[in-house]
Amino acid sequence: MTAPGLERLALNTATTKRWTAAEAIEGCVRAAIPAVGLWRDQVAATGLSRTAELSRAAGIAVTSLCRGGFFTAADAHGRAAAIEDNRRAVEEAATLGTDVLVLVCGGLPPGSRDLPGARQMVADGIAEVAPFAAQHGVRLAIEPLHPMFCADRAVVSTLGQALDMAESVDPGPASPNAVAPAVGVVVDTYHLWWDPQLFAMIDRAGPRILAFQVCDWVLPLPADALLGRGHVGDGCIDIRAIADAVTAAGYRGYTEVEIFNQEVWDTPGDETLRIMADRHRQYLT
C-alpha cells in the first residue's frame, strides 16, 4: 500500500547501488513507495523474468529501464553492436512492463574530436531503433547529461538538443494535449538545472517528457563528479521549481530519485528510502 504523499515517488535503483533488483522491490514494499526505475545490471543479477514476476506480485510499477544508448562508436562494427544492444534493452523493458527506455546517448568515439559527427551517430541510432521499440510498445527517452560528460557519456547536453533530436526522429504532434510520442526526453534535475533555457524547453517538451528524475547538486564536488549528487534539499538546485514546471507541461508520471553518491551507497538501503520519502513529502508534495 502506498503511503500518503508518496503516490508519485519512485526509487531509481542507481540510488541503492548495492541492492539487487529483487532487494530494491522488497525495499519499496517496506517503505510504501509505489514504483521503481530499474538498471539493467541489477535486473541481470536477479534475472529478467524473476524481476518482472517480483514487481508484478508486489504491485510495484516499473517506471523506466536504464539504460540504452551509447550509439557512438569508432567503426561500423561497434555501431552495429550498439544497435543490437539497444534492441535487447527494448525487449527487456517490454518484459518488465515499462514503456520507457532511458537513453544515455554516448560520448565521442575513441580518438575523435568530431562532435557534430557523434551527434549524427546518435540521431541515426535512435532512428534505427525507434521502429523496433514501437513494435514492442516501448518509448525511447533521450537523456541529456551535464556538459562535463560530453566527451565520455553523452554528446547531448541540453534539453533543447534532446528535443531537436527527438523531433527529427519522431516528428509527431507534441502539443500539451497530445498523446506522448514514441521518442521523448528525460528531465533530470542534476544534469539540467544550470541551463538558462531550461524552463522554456520544459514547456516546449510537453508530452515528450517521458521521465522525471531528481537529486541535488552538492558541494564540494568529489574527484569523480558523477558522484556529486545528494538527496533532494541537500544542495543548490531549486528542485520544486523544476518539478512544478514539469507538471505544468503536462507530465503526470512518477518522480524517480536517482542519486550517485558513495555515502548514500554506503548507507543501509532502508534508511536511504526513509530519507527519500521524507524529502519527497517536504519538497515535492
Foldseek 3Di string as FASTA:
>chain_A
DADPLQQQAEAECLLQVVAALLVRLVLCLVLNHAEYAYEPVSCVVCDLLNSLVSCVVSNHHHQEYDAAAQCAEDDPVSNVVSLVVVLVVLVSCLSSPYQEHEYQHWAHYPPDPPLVVSVVSSLVSCLVNLVSSVVSNHAYAYEAFAVVCRHGTHSRQELVSQVVSQCVSPVDDQALPDAQDRYAHEAECVRYQPDPCRLVSLLVRQSRHSAYEYWAQAPDQDPPNLQRTHHPPRHDGLVLVNLVSNVVSPDDHHYYYNHRHPVSNVDPPSVSSVSNSVNSSVRPD
